[in-house]
Amino acid sequence: MTLKERVIVTAYTGYTMLQGTEMNELYKYAEEITGVKPVYTHMFADKEFVELFQEKSKADFIRICSREGE
């Protein structure tokens, strides 16, 4: 699984597959798909932001899952 795919799975499920500086990619992805800039750590504890993030990452997550059997 690529780093981008692990970022997407983390974004949609809330279970991190990232470590260390890879977390920077999660913040970049969050800013990219939500339009919220900048994204700070405390925002991942905000229910509204998490729901928005999950909603915006859903299509990417489904795309990864649909390729999983290939």
N, C-alpha and C. Protein backbone atom coordinates (compact mmCIF):
# COMPACT_ATOMS: atom_id res chain seq x y z
N MET A 1 0.85 -1.17 0.00
CA MET A 1 0.00 0.00 0.00
C MET A 1 0.90 1.24 0.00
N THR A 2 0.57 2.18 -0.83
CA THR A 2 1.37 3.40 -0.92
C THR A 2 1.10 4.33 0.26
N LEU A 3 1.96 5.31 0.43
CA LEU A 3 1.77 6.30 1.49
C LEU A 3 0.45 7.04 1.28
N LYS A 4 0.16 7.43 0.06
CA LYS A 4 -1.09 8.14 -0.25
C LYS A 4 -2.30 7.28 0.14
N GLU A 5 -2.25 6.00 -0.17
CA GLU A 5 -3.35 5.11 0.18
C GLU A 5 -3.49 4.97 1.69
N ARG A 6 -2.37 4.90 2.40
CA ARG A 6 -2.43 4.82 3.87
C ARG A 6 -2.99 6.11 4.46
N VAL A 7 -2.68 7.24 3.85
CA VAL A 7 -3.24 8.52 4.28
C VAL A 7 -4.75 8.50 4.12
N ILE A 8 -5.22 8.03 2.99
CA ILE A 8 -6.66 7.99 2.71
C ILE A 8 -7.38 7.05 3.67
N VAL A 9 -6.81 5.88 3.92
CA VAL A 9 -7.42 4.94 4.86
C VAL A 9 -7.47 5.56 6.25
N THR A 10 -6.42 6.22 6.66
CA THR A 10 -6.38 6.89 7.94
C THR A 10 -7.44 7.98 8.01
N ALA A 11 -7.57 8.76 6.95
CA ALA A 11 -8.54 9.84 6.91
C ALA A 11 -9.97 9.32 7.05
N TYR A 12 -10.29 8.28 6.33
CA TYR A 12 -11.66 7.78 6.32
C TYR A 12 -12.01 6.97 7.56
N THR A 13 -11.09 6.14 8.03
CA THR A 13 -11.42 5.26 9.16
C THR A 13 -11.10 5.86 10.52
N GLY A 14 -10.14 6.77 10.56
CA GLY A 14 -9.72 7.33 11.84
C GLY A 14 -8.66 6.49 12.54
N TYR A 15 -8.30 5.36 11.93
CA TYR A 15 -7.24 4.52 12.48
C TYR A 15 -5.96 4.81 11.71
N THR A 16 -4.96 5.26 12.43
CA THR A 16 -3.75 5.68 11.73
C THR A 16 -2.92 4.51 11.23
N MET A 17 -2.45 4.66 10.04
CA MET A 17 -1.52 3.72 9.42
C MET A 17 -0.21 4.45 9.14
N LEU A 18 -0.02 5.57 9.82
CA LEU A 18 1.11 6.44 9.57
C LEU A 18 1.98 6.53 10.80
N GLN A 19 3.23 6.89 10.59
CA GLN A 19 4.12 7.09 11.72
C GLN A 19 5.09 8.22 11.42
N GLY A 20 5.52 8.86 12.49
CA GLY A 20 6.51 9.92 12.37
C GLY A 20 6.10 11.02 11.42
N THR A 21 7.02 11.38 10.53
CA THR A 21 6.79 12.50 9.63
C THR A 21 5.75 12.20 8.55
N GLU A 22 5.34 10.94 8.42
CA GLU A 22 4.28 10.61 7.46
C GLU A 22 2.98 11.34 7.82
N MET A 23 2.82 11.68 9.10
CA MET A 23 1.62 12.40 9.53
C MET A 23 1.46 13.73 8.80
N ASN A 24 2.58 14.32 8.36
CA ASN A 24 2.51 15.57 7.61
C ASN A 24 1.64 15.41 6.36
N GLU A 25 1.69 14.24 5.76
CA GLU A 25 0.89 13.98 4.56
C GLU A 25 -0.60 13.96 4.87
N LEU A 26 -0.97 13.54 6.06
CA LEU A 26 -2.38 13.56 6.48
C LEU A 26 -2.88 15.00 6.56
N TYR A 27 -2.07 15.87 7.12
CA TYR A 27 -2.44 17.28 7.23
C TYR A 27 -2.58 17.91 5.84
N LYS A 28 -1.64 17.60 4.95
CA LYS A 28 -1.72 18.13 3.59
C LYS A 28 -2.97 17.63 2.88
N TYR A 29 -3.27 16.35 3.03
CA TYR A 29 -4.47 15.77 2.41
C TYR A 29 -5.72 16.42 2.99
N ALA A 30 -5.75 16.62 4.29
CA ALA A 30 -6.90 17.26 4.94
C ALA A 30 -7.12 18.66 4.39
N GLU A 31 -6.06 19.42 4.25
CA GLU A 31 -6.17 20.77 3.70
C GLU A 31 -6.65 20.73 2.26
N GLU A 32 -6.11 19.80 1.50
CA GLU A 32 -6.44 19.67 0.07
C GLU A 32 -7.93 19.35 -0.14
N ILE A 33 -8.45 18.38 0.60
CA ILE A 33 -9.82 17.94 0.30
C ILE A 33 -10.90 18.70 1.06
N THR A 34 -10.55 19.31 2.21
CA THR A 34 -11.58 20.04 2.96
C THR A 34 -11.59 21.52 2.62
N GLY A 35 -10.48 22.03 2.11
CA GLY A 35 -10.38 23.46 1.83
C GLY A 35 -10.08 24.29 3.07
N VAL A 36 -9.90 23.63 4.21
CA VAL A 36 -9.57 24.31 5.46
C VAL A 36 -8.06 24.43 5.55
N LYS A 37 -7.60 25.68 5.71
CA LYS A 37 -6.15 25.92 5.81
C LYS A 37 -5.89 26.95 6.88
N PRO A 38 -4.97 26.69 7.73
CA PRO A 38 -4.24 25.44 7.93
C PRO A 38 -5.04 24.47 8.81
N VAL A 39 -4.69 23.21 8.75
CA VAL A 39 -5.28 22.19 9.62
C VAL A 39 -4.32 21.97 10.78
N TYR A 40 -4.87 22.04 11.99
CA TYR A 40 -4.08 21.83 13.20
C TYR A 40 -4.50 20.54 13.89
N THR A 41 -3.63 20.02 14.72
CA THR A 41 -3.87 18.75 15.40
C THR A 41 -5.19 18.73 16.16
N HIS A 42 -5.50 19.80 16.88
CA HIS A 42 -6.72 19.81 17.68
C HIS A 42 -7.99 19.68 16.84
N MET A 43 -7.90 19.97 15.56
CA MET A 43 -9.07 19.87 14.68
C MET A 43 -9.52 18.42 14.49
N PHE A 44 -8.60 17.48 14.67
CA PHE A 44 -8.96 16.07 14.53
C PHE A 44 -9.77 15.58 15.72
N ALA A 45 -9.97 16.43 16.72
CA ALA A 45 -10.82 16.11 17.86
C ALA A 45 -12.18 16.82 17.74
N ASP A 46 -12.35 17.60 16.70
CA ASP A 46 -13.60 18.33 16.47
C ASP A 46 -14.53 17.48 15.62
N LYS A 47 -15.67 17.14 16.16
CA LYS A 47 -16.61 16.23 15.49
C LYS A 47 -17.00 16.72 14.10
N GLU A 48 -17.30 18.00 13.95
CA GLU A 48 -17.71 18.54 12.66
C GLU A 48 -16.59 18.43 11.62
N PHE A 49 -15.37 18.74 12.04
CA PHE A 49 -14.25 18.64 11.10
C PHE A 49 -14.01 17.19 10.70
N VAL A 50 -14.05 16.28 11.67
CA VAL A 50 -13.82 14.86 11.39
C VAL A 50 -14.88 14.33 10.43
N GLU A 51 -16.14 14.72 10.63
CA GLU A 51 -17.20 14.29 9.73
C GLU A 51 -16.99 14.83 8.32
N LEU A 52 -16.59 16.09 8.22
CA LEU A 52 -16.29 16.69 6.91
C LEU A 52 -15.13 15.95 6.24
N PHE A 53 -14.08 15.69 7.00
CA PHE A 53 -12.90 15.01 6.49
C PHE A 53 -13.27 13.61 5.99
N GLN A 54 -14.06 12.90 6.77
CA GLN A 54 -14.48 11.56 6.38
C GLN A 54 -15.34 11.61 5.12
N GLU A 55 -16.27 12.53 5.08
CA GLU A 55 -17.15 12.67 3.90
C GLU A 55 -16.34 12.96 2.64
N LYS A 56 -15.38 13.86 2.75
CA LYS A 56 -14.58 14.26 1.59
C LYS A 56 -13.60 13.17 1.15
N SER A 57 -13.21 12.29 2.07
CA SER A 57 -12.26 11.23 1.72
C SER A 57 -12.95 9.93 1.31
N LYS A 58 -14.26 9.86 1.42
CA LYS A 58 -15.00 8.63 1.15
C LYS A 58 -14.78 8.10 -0.27
N ALA A 59 -14.87 8.94 -1.26
CA ALA A 59 -14.71 8.49 -2.65
C ALA A 59 -13.32 7.89 -2.88
N ASP A 60 -12.29 8.52 -2.31
CA ASP A 60 -10.94 7.99 -2.45
C ASP A 60 -10.81 6.65 -1.74
N PHE A 61 -11.43 6.53 -0.57
CA PHE A 61 -11.39 5.27 0.18
C PHE A 61 -12.07 4.16 -0.60
N ILE A 62 -13.22 4.44 -1.16
CA ILE A 62 -13.96 3.44 -1.94
C ILE A 62 -13.14 3.03 -3.17
N ARG A 63 -12.47 3.98 -3.78
CA ARG A 63 -11.63 3.68 -4.94
C ARG A 63 -10.51 2.69 -4.56
N ILE A 64 -9.92 2.89 -3.41
CA ILE A 64 -8.87 1.98 -2.93
C ILE A 64 -9.46 0.60 -2.69
N CYS A 65 -10.60 0.55 -2.03
CA CYS A 65 -11.24 -0.74 -1.71
C CYS A 65 -11.65 -1.49 -2.97
N SER A 66 -12.10 -0.79 -3.98
CA SER A 66 -12.53 -1.45 -5.21
C SER A 66 -11.35 -2.04 -5.97
N ARG A 67 -10.16 -1.52 -5.77
CA ARG A 67 -8.96 -2.04 -6.44
C ARG A 67 -8.31 -3.16 -5.65
N GLU A 68 -8.70 -3.32 -4.39
CA GLU A 68 -8.04 -4.27 -3.49
C GLU A 68 -8.06 -5.69 -4.03
N GLY A 69 -9.10 -6.09 -4.72
CA GLY A 69 -9.19 -7.44 -5.23
C GLY A 69 -8.42 -7.69 -6.51
N GLU A 70 -7.86 -6.66 -7.07
CA GLU A 70 -7.14 -6.79 -8.35
C GLU A 70 -5.77 -7.40 -8.17
